[in-house]
Amino acid sequence: MAKPKKEAPPVVTVDDVEYKHEDLNDEQKVIYAHIADLQRKSNTTRFNLDQLKVGLDAFGEMLVKSLKNGNDKVENGKDDEN
């Protein structure tokens, strides 16, 4: 059975100075946790926005293709019966 990998403790770099997470005080750890959580949320939001953009583009193209193929009874704003 494989041994679980030990993760290196997080290191915070500020102004080119590295700080070990374990050396931060409680307030600094909370602030770091907020920053990490906000970065995750920002990345998730970007990912979701990318999906929404692709979906909107795809459905827009589907509508244009459908209208060009004559699948709609209305052309140029007038019914075929007129």
PDB file of N, CA and C in Angstrom:
ATOM      1  N   MET A   1       0.837  -1.170   0.000  1.00  0.00           N
ATOM      2  CA  MET A   1       0.000   0.000   0.000  1.00  0.00           C
ATOM      3  C   MET A   1       0.892   1.246   0.000  1.00  0.00           C
ATOM      4  N   ALA A   2       0.483   2.244  -0.803  1.00  0.00           N
ATOM      5  CA  ALA A   2       1.277   3.465  -0.922  1.00  0.00           C
ATOM      6  C   ALA A   2       1.142   4.315   0.329  1.00  0.00           C
ATOM      7  N   LYS A   3       2.235   4.937   0.687  1.00  0.00           N
ATOM      8  CA  LYS A   3       2.219   5.828   1.842  1.00  0.00           C
ATOM      9  C   LYS A   3       1.611   7.164   1.427  1.00  0.00           C
ATOM     10  N   PRO A   4       0.757   7.728   2.289  1.00  0.00           N
ATOM     11  CA  PRO A   4       0.195   9.042   1.940  1.00  0.00           C
ATOM     12  C   PRO A   4       1.297  10.093   1.911  1.00  0.00           C
ATOM     13  N   LYS A   5       1.185  10.990   0.959  1.00  0.00           N
ATOM     14  CA  LYS A   5       2.174  12.054   0.829  1.00  0.00           C
ATOM     15  C   LYS A   5       1.915  13.114   1.898  1.00  0.00           C
ATOM     16  N   LYS A   6       2.975  13.571   2.529  1.00  0.00           N
ATOM     17  CA  LYS A   6       2.850  14.668   3.470  1.00  0.00           C
ATOM     18  C   LYS A   6       2.924  15.970   2.686  1.00  0.00           C
ATOM     19  N   GLU A   7       1.945  16.819   2.934  1.00  0.00           N
ATOM     20  CA  GLU A   7       1.949  18.108   2.260  1.00  0.00           C
ATOM     21  C   GLU A   7       2.860  19.059   3.023  1.00  0.00           C
ATOM     22  N   ALA A   8       3.605  19.831   2.277  1.00  0.00           N
ATOM     23  CA  ALA A   8       4.461  20.834   2.895  1.00  0.00           C
ATOM     24  C   ALA A   8       3.581  21.914   3.505  1.00  0.00           C
ATOM     25  N   PRO A   9       3.953  22.414   4.660  1.00  0.00           N
ATOM     26  CA  PRO A   9       3.137  23.480   5.248  1.00  0.00           C
ATOM     27  C   PRO A   9       3.141  24.696   4.338  1.00  0.00           C
ATOM     28  N   PRO A  10       1.998  25.396   4.273  1.00  0.00           N
ATOM     29  CA  PRO A  10       1.921  26.563   3.387  1.00  0.00           C
ATOM     30  C   PRO A  10       2.950  27.628   3.771  1.00  0.00           C
ATOM     31  N   VAL A  11       3.428  28.278   2.767  1.00  0.00           N
ATOM     32  CA  VAL A  11       4.361  29.380   2.964  1.00  0.00           C
ATOM     33  C   VAL A  11       3.719  30.620   2.359  1.00  0.00           C
ATOM     34  N   VAL A  12       3.700  31.692   3.103  1.00  0.00           N
ATOM     35  CA  VAL A  12       3.141  32.955   2.644  1.00  0.00           C
ATOM     36  C   VAL A  12       4.308  33.856   2.273  1.00  0.00           C
ATOM     37  N   THR A  13       4.275  34.380   1.058  1.00  0.00           N
ATOM     38  CA  THR A  13       5.338  35.284   0.617  1.00  0.00           C
ATOM     39  C   THR A  13       4.774  36.688   0.488  1.00  0.00           C
ATOM     40  N   VAL A  14       5.358  37.608   1.246  1.00  0.00           N
ATOM     41  CA  VAL A  14       4.945  39.008   1.204  1.00  0.00           C
ATOM     42  C   VAL A  14       6.197  39.854   1.022  1.00  0.00           C
ATOM     43  N   ASP A  15       6.206  40.653  -0.018  1.00  0.00           N
ATOM     44  CA  ASP A  15       7.366  41.505  -0.322  1.00  0.00           C
ATOM     45  C   ASP A  15       8.667  40.692  -0.355  1.00  0.00           C
ATOM     46  N   ASP A  16       8.601  39.565  -1.024  1.00  0.00           N
ATOM     47  CA  ASP A  16       9.759  38.664  -1.201  1.00  0.00           C
ATOM     48  C   ASP A  16      10.278  38.052   0.096  1.00  0.00           C
ATOM     49  N   VAL A  17       9.479  38.098   1.144  1.00  0.00           N
ATOM     50  CA  VAL A  17       9.846  37.460   2.407  1.00  0.00           C
ATOM     51  C   VAL A  17       8.882  36.303   2.636  1.00  0.00           C
ATOM     52  N   GLU A  18       9.433  35.114   2.910  1.00  0.00           N
ATOM     53  CA  GLU A  18       8.606  33.931   3.130  1.00  0.00           C
ATOM     54  C   GLU A  18       8.311  33.746   4.616  1.00  0.00           C
ATOM     55  N   TYR A  19       7.042  33.448   4.916  1.00  0.00           N
ATOM     56  CA  TYR A  19       6.595  33.196   6.278  1.00  0.00           C
ATOM     57  C   TYR A  19       5.935  31.828   6.311  1.00  0.00           C
ATOM     58  N   LYS A  20       6.328  30.982   7.237  1.00  0.00           N
ATOM     59  CA  LYS A  20       5.680  29.686   7.404  1.00  0.00           C
ATOM     60  C   LYS A  20       4.325  29.894   8.068  1.00  0.00           C
ATOM     61  N   HIS A  21       3.349  29.154   7.581  1.00  0.00           N
ATOM     62  CA  HIS A  21       2.000  29.266   8.138  1.00  0.00           C
ATOM     63  C   HIS A  21       2.009  29.029   9.645  1.00  0.00           C
ATOM     64  N   GLU A  22       2.785  28.071  10.085  1.00  0.00           N
ATOM     65  CA  GLU A  22       2.829  27.730  11.512  1.00  0.00           C
ATOM     66  C   GLU A  22       3.401  28.857  12.369  1.00  0.00           C
ATOM     67  N   ASP A  23       4.146  29.782  11.745  1.00  0.00           N
ATOM     68  CA  ASP A  23       4.725  30.900  12.485  1.00  0.00           C
ATOM     69  C   ASP A  23       3.804  32.118  12.559  1.00  0.00           C
ATOM     70  N   LEU A  24       2.682  32.078  11.833  1.00  0.00           N
ATOM     71  CA  LEU A  24       1.751  33.201  11.855  1.00  0.00           C
ATOM     72  C   LEU A  24       0.969  33.189  13.167  1.00  0.00           C
ATOM     73  N   ASN A  25       0.562  34.381  13.619  1.00  0.00           N
ATOM     74  CA  ASN A  25      -0.297  34.413  14.804  1.00  0.00           C
ATOM     75  C   ASN A  25      -1.727  34.096  14.391  1.00  0.00           C
ATOM     76  N   ASP A  26      -2.633  33.983  15.346  1.00  0.00           N
ATOM     77  CA  ASP A  26      -4.002  33.562  15.043  1.00  0.00           C
ATOM     78  C   ASP A  26      -4.700  34.521  14.085  1.00  0.00           C
ATOM     79  N   GLU A  27      -4.525  35.810  14.283  1.00  0.00           N
ATOM     80  CA  GLU A  27      -5.158  36.784  13.401  1.00  0.00           C
ATOM     81  C   GLU A  27      -4.635  36.637  11.974  1.00  0.00           C
ATOM     82  N   GLN A  28      -3.333  36.462  11.831  1.00  0.00           N
ATOM     83  CA  GLN A  28      -2.729  36.317  10.506  1.00  0.00           C
ATOM     84  C   GLN A  28      -3.196  35.038   9.824  1.00  0.00           C
ATOM     85  N   LYS A  29      -3.380  33.975  10.599  1.00  0.00           N
ATOM     86  CA  LYS A  29      -3.883  32.714  10.036  1.00  0.00           C
ATOM     87  C   LYS A  29      -5.305  32.880   9.517  1.00  0.00           C
ATOM     88  N   VAL A  30      -6.126  33.629  10.260  1.00  0.00           N
ATOM     89  CA  VAL A  30      -7.508  33.872   9.821  1.00  0.00           C
ATOM     90  C   VAL A  30      -7.505  34.699   8.544  1.00  0.00           C
ATOM     91  N   ILE A  31      -6.689  35.732   8.505  1.00  0.00           N
ATOM     92  CA  ILE A  31      -6.597  36.569   7.299  1.00  0.00           C
ATOM     93  C   ILE A  31      -6.132  35.729   6.113  1.00  0.00           C
ATOM     94  N   TYR A  32      -5.131  34.890   6.329  1.00  0.00           N
ATOM     95  CA  TYR A  32      -4.639  34.002   5.276  1.00  0.00           C
ATOM     96  C   TYR A  32      -5.752  33.068   4.795  1.00  0.00           C
ATOM     97  N   ALA A  33      -6.532  32.537   5.734  1.00  0.00           N
ATOM     98  CA  ALA A  33      -7.633  31.642   5.365  1.00  0.00           C
ATOM     99  C   ALA A  33      -8.666  32.376   4.512  1.00  0.00           C
ATOM    100  N   HIS A  34      -8.955  33.628   4.843  1.00  0.00           N
ATOM    101  CA  HIS A  34      -9.892  34.427   4.040  1.00  0.00           C
ATOM    102  C   HIS A  34      -9.355  34.633   2.629  1.00  0.00           C
ATOM    103  N   ILE A  35      -8.068  34.957   2.538  1.00  0.00           N
ATOM    104  CA  ILE A  35      -7.464  35.172   1.222  1.00  0.00           C
ATOM    105  C   ILE A  35      -7.520  33.897   0.387  1.00  0.00           C
ATOM    106  N   ALA A  36      -7.163  32.769   0.995  1.00  0.00           N
ATOM    107  CA  ALA A  36      -7.191  31.493   0.271  1.00  0.00           C
ATOM    108  C   ALA A  36      -8.604  31.149  -0.183  1.00  0.00           C
ATOM    109  N   ASP A  37      -9.593  31.373   0.686  1.00  0.00           N
ATOM    110  CA  ASP A  37     -10.984  31.079   0.339  1.00  0.00           C
ATOM    111  C   ASP A  37     -11.470  31.996  -0.783  1.00  0.00           C
ATOM    112  N   LEU A  38     -11.119  33.270  -0.712  1.00  0.00           N
ATOM    113  CA  LEU A  38     -11.524  34.199  -1.764  1.00  0.00           C
ATOM    114  C   LEU A  38     -10.866  33.862  -3.100  1.00  0.00           C
ATOM    115  N   GLN A  39      -9.614  33.395  -3.075  1.00  0.00           N
ATOM    116  CA  GLN A  39      -8.960  32.965  -4.311  1.00  0.00           C
ATOM    117  C   GLN A  39      -9.674  31.763  -4.915  1.00  0.00           C
ATOM    118  N   ARG A  40     -10.056  30.800  -4.065  1.00  0.00           N
ATOM    119  CA  ARG A  40     -10.801  29.629  -4.566  1.00  0.00           C
ATOM    120  C   ARG A  40     -12.134  30.066  -5.174  1.00  0.00           C
ATOM    121  N   LYS A  41     -12.835  30.958  -4.473  1.00  0.00           N
ATOM    122  CA  LYS A  41     -14.129  31.425  -4.981  1.00  0.00           C
ATOM    123  C   LYS A  41     -13.965  32.187  -6.289  1.00  0.00           C
ATOM    124  N   SER A  42     -12.930  32.998  -6.383  1.00  0.00           N
ATOM    125  CA  SER A  42     -12.672  33.749  -7.602  1.00  0.00           C
ATOM    126  C   SER A  42     -12.392  32.803  -8.769  1.00  0.00           C
ATOM    127  N   ASN A  43     -11.585  31.777  -8.529  1.00  0.00           N
ATOM    128  CA  ASN A  43     -11.286  30.796  -9.577  1.00  0.00           C
ATOM    129  C   ASN A  43     -12.537  30.037  -9.995  1.00  0.00           C
ATOM    130  N   THR A  44     -13.376  29.665  -9.018  1.00  0.00           N
ATOM    131  CA  THR A  44     -14.623  28.963  -9.332  1.00  0.00           C
ATOM    132  C   THR A  44     -15.556  29.856 -10.136  1.00  0.00           C
ATOM    133  N   THR A  45     -15.629  31.121  -9.766  1.00  0.00           N
ATOM    134  CA  THR A  45     -16.489  32.062 -10.486  1.00  0.00           C
ATOM    135  C   THR A  45     -16.002  32.247 -11.918  1.00  0.00           C
ATOM    136  N   ARG A  46     -14.680  32.352 -12.107  1.00  0.00           N
ATOM    137  CA  ARG A  46     -14.124  32.467 -13.455  1.00  0.00           C
ATOM    138  C   ARG A  46     -14.467  31.235 -14.290  1.00  0.00           C
ATOM    139  N   PHE A  47     -14.345  30.055 -13.675  1.00  0.00           N
ATOM    140  CA  PHE A  47     -14.661  28.797 -14.348  1.00  0.00           C
ATOM    141  C   PHE A  47     -16.132  28.773 -14.768  1.00  0.00           C
ATOM    142  N   ASN A  48     -17.023  29.156 -13.840  1.00  0.00           N
ATOM    143  CA  ASN A  48     -18.453  29.187 -14.140  1.00  0.00           C
ATOM    144  C   ASN A  48     -18.767  30.206 -15.222  1.00  0.00           C
ATOM    145  N   LEU A  49     -18.113  31.358 -15.174  1.00  0.00           N
ATOM    146  CA  LEU A  49     -18.333  32.382 -16.196  1.00  0.00           C
ATOM    147  C   LEU A  49     -17.898  31.887 -17.568  1.00  0.00           C
ATOM    148  N   ASP A  50     -16.784  31.174 -17.633  1.00  0.00           N
ATOM    149  CA  ASP A  50     -16.346  30.582 -18.901  1.00  0.00           C
ATOM    150  C   ASP A  50     -17.403  29.639 -19.455  1.00  0.00           C
ATOM    151  N   GLN A  51     -17.972  28.800 -18.572  1.00  0.00           N
ATOM    152  CA  GLN A  51     -19.023  27.874 -19.012  1.00  0.00           C
ATOM    153  C   GLN A  51     -20.249  28.629 -19.503  1.00  0.00           C
ATOM    154  N   LEU A  52     -20.637  29.669 -18.799  1.00  0.00           N
ATOM    155  CA  LEU A  52     -21.802  30.457 -19.211  1.00  0.00           C
ATOM    156  C   LEU A  52     -21.569  31.121 -20.567  1.00  0.00           C
ATOM    157  N   LYS A  53     -20.381  31.671 -20.776  1.00  0.00           N
ATOM    158  CA  LYS A  53     -20.069  32.315 -22.057  1.00  0.00           C
ATOM    159  C   LYS A  53     -20.143  31.313 -23.204  1.00  0.00           C
ATOM    160  N   VAL A  54     -19.568  30.130 -23.006  1.00  0.00           N
ATOM    161  CA  VAL A  54     -19.597  29.102 -24.050  1.00  0.00           C
ATOM    162  C   VAL A  54     -21.039  28.671 -24.317  1.00  0.00           C
ATOM    163  N   GLY A  55     -21.807  28.497 -23.260  1.00  0.00           N
ATOM    164  CA  GLY A  55     -23.212  28.118 -23.420  1.00  0.00           C
ATOM    165  C   GLY A  55     -24.002  29.172 -24.171  1.00  0.00           C
ATOM    166  N   LEU A  56     -23.808  30.440 -23.810  1.00  0.00           N
ATOM    167  CA  LEU A  56     -24.510  31.520 -24.509  1.00  0.00           C
ATOM    168  C   LEU A  56     -24.120  31.561 -25.978  1.00  0.00           C
ATOM    169  N   ASP A  57     -22.837  31.435 -26.260  1.00  0.00           N
ATOM    170  CA  ASP A  57     -22.385  31.421 -27.656  1.00  0.00           C
ATOM    171  C   ASP A  57     -22.995  30.259 -28.425  1.00  0.00           C
ATOM    172  N   ALA A  58     -23.001  29.079 -27.811  1.00  0.00           N
ATOM    173  CA  ALA A  58     -23.533  27.889 -28.484  1.00  0.00           C
ATOM    174  C   ALA A  58     -25.022  28.036 -28.762  1.00  0.00           C
ATOM    175  N   PHE A  59     -25.786  28.488 -27.778  1.00  0.00           N
ATOM    176  CA  PHE A  59     -27.218  28.649 -28.006  1.00  0.00           C
ATOM    177  C   PHE A  59     -27.496  29.762 -29.007  1.00  0.00           C
ATOM    178  N   GLY A  60     -26.694  30.821 -28.998  1.00  0.00           N
ATOM    179  CA  GLY A  60     -26.851  31.877 -30.000  1.00  0.00           C
ATOM    180  C   GLY A  60     -26.613  31.347 -31.399  1.00  0.00           C
ATOM    181  N   GLU A  61     -25.559  30.551 -31.557  1.00  0.00           N
ATOM    182  CA  GLU A  61     -25.275  29.949 -32.858  1.00  0.00           C
ATOM    183  C   GLU A  61     -26.385  28.989 -33.277  1.00  0.00           C
ATOM    184  N   MET A  62     -26.918  28.234 -32.310  1.00  0.00           N
ATOM    185  CA  MET A  62     -28.014  27.309 -32.630  1.00  0.00           C
ATOM    186  C   MET A  62     -29.240  28.068 -33.119  1.00  0.00           C
ATOM    187  N   LEU A  63     -29.533  29.207 -32.487  1.00  0.00           N
ATOM    188  CA  LEU A  63     -30.686  30.001 -32.906  1.00  0.00           C
ATOM    189  C   LEU A  63     -30.472  30.559 -34.304  1.00  0.00           C
ATOM    190  N   VAL A  64     -29.314  31.105 -34.562  1.00  0.00           N
ATOM    191  CA  VAL A  64     -29.013  31.657 -35.891  1.00  0.00           C
ATOM    192  C   VAL A  64     -29.119  30.568 -36.941  1.00  0.00           C
ATOM    193  N   LYS A  65     -28.551  29.400 -36.680  1.00  0.00           N
ATOM    194  CA  LYS A  65     -28.599  28.288 -37.626  1.00  0.00           C
ATOM    195  C   LYS A  65     -30.040  27.851 -37.872  1.00  0.00           C
ATOM    196  N   SER A  66     -30.821  27.775 -36.814  1.00  0.00           N
ATOM    197  CA  SER A  66     -32.218  27.372 -36.946  1.00  0.00           C
ATOM    198  C   SER A  66     -33.002  28.368 -37.782  1.00  0.00           C
ATOM    199  N   LEU A  67     -32.767  29.648 -37.542  1.00  0.00           N
ATOM    200  CA  LEU A  67     -33.481  30.667 -38.315  1.00  0.00           C
ATOM    201  C   LEU A  67     -33.053  30.665 -39.776  1.00  0.00           C
ATOM    202  N   LYS A  68     -31.763  30.445 -40.031  1.00  0.00           N
ATOM    203  CA  LYS A  68     -31.279  30.421 -41.409  1.00  0.00           C
ATOM    204  C   LYS A  68     -31.770  29.198 -42.167  1.00  0.00           C
ATOM    205  N   ASN A  69     -32.035  28.107 -41.455  1.00  0.00           N
ATOM    206  CA  ASN A  69     -32.515  26.886 -42.097  1.00  0.00           C
ATOM    207  C   ASN A  69     -34.013  26.924 -42.363  1.00  0.00           C
ATOM    208  N   GLY A  70     -34.673  28.020 -42.025  1.00  0.00           N
ATOM    209  CA  GLY A  70     -36.095  28.152 -42.300  1.00  0.00           C
ATOM    210  C   GLY A  70     -36.967  27.377 -41.333  1.00  0.00           C
ATOM    211  N   ASN A  71     -36.462  27.041 -40.171  1.00  0.00           N
ATOM    212  CA  ASN A  71     -37.258  26.326 -39.193  1.00  0.00           C
ATOM    213  C   ASN A  71     -38.253  27.232 -38.491  1.00  0.00           C
ATOM    214  N   ASP A  72     -38.207  28.514 -38.781  1.00  0.00           N
ATOM    215  CA  ASP A  72     -39.130  29.458 -38.181  1.00  0.00           C
ATOM    216  C   ASP A  72     -40.088  29.921 -39.268  1.00  0.00           C
ATOM    217  N   LYS A  73     -41.368  30.056 -38.954  1.00  0.00           N
ATOM    218  CA  LYS A  73     -42.377  30.447 -39.945  1.00  0.00           C
ATOM    219  C   LYS A  73     -42.348  31.946 -40.227  1.00  0.00           C
ATOM    220  N   VAL A  74     -41.644  32.691 -39.397  1.00  0.00           N
ATOM    221  CA  VAL A  74     -41.582  34.139 -39.572  1.00  0.00           C
ATOM    222  C   VAL A  74     -40.242  34.521 -40.163  1.00  0.00           C
ATOM    223  N   GLU A  75     -40.286  35.239 -41.315  1.00  0.00           N
ATOM    224  CA  GLU A  75     -39.057  35.676 -41.950  1.00  0.00           C
ATOM    225  C   GLU A  75     -39.183  37.177 -42.189  1.00  0.00           C
ATOM    226  N   ASN A  76     -38.155  37.903 -41.861  1.00  0.00           N
ATOM    227  CA  ASN A  76     -38.155  39.363 -42.009  1.00  0.00           C
ATOM    228  C   ASN A  76     -39.326  40.012 -41.288  1.00  0.00           C
ATOM    229  N   GLY A  77     -39.779  39.448 -40.203  1.00  0.00           N
ATOM    230  CA  GLY A  77     -40.841  40.030 -39.395  1.00  0.00           C
ATOM    231  C   GLY A  77     -42.236  39.833 -39.956  1.00  0.00           C
ATOM    232  N   LYS A  78     -42.409  39.051 -41.017  1.00  0.00           N
ATOM    233  CA  LYS A  78     -43.726  38.851 -41.622  1.00  0.00           C
ATOM    234  C   LYS A  78     -44.050  37.366 -41.657  1.00  0.00           C
ATOM    235  N   ASP A  79     -45.323  37.030 -41.454  1.00  0.00           N
ATOM    236  CA  ASP A  79     -45.768  35.634 -41.571  1.00  0.00           C
ATOM    237  C   ASP A  79     -45.722  35.200 -43.025  1.00  0.00           C
ATOM    238  N   ASP A  80     -45.547  33.891 -43.257  1.00  0.00           N
ATOM    239  CA  ASP A  80     -45.526  33.340 -44.608  1.00  0.00           C
ATOM    240  C   ASP A  80     -46.873  33.532 -45.316  1.00  0.00           C
ATOM    241  N   GLU A  81     -47.940  33.671 -44.523  1.00  0.00           N
ATOM    242  CA  GLU A  81     -49.278  33.774 -45.107  1.00  0.00           C
ATOM    243  C   GLU A  81     -49.526  35.121 -45.741  1.00  0.00           C
ATOM    244  N   ASN A  82     -48.748  36.161 -45.434  1.00  0.00           N
ATOM    245  CA  ASN A  82     -48.990  37.512 -45.962  1.00  0.00           C
ATOM    246  C   ASN A  82     -48.336  37.697 -47.293  1.00  0.00           C
TER     247      ASN A  82
END
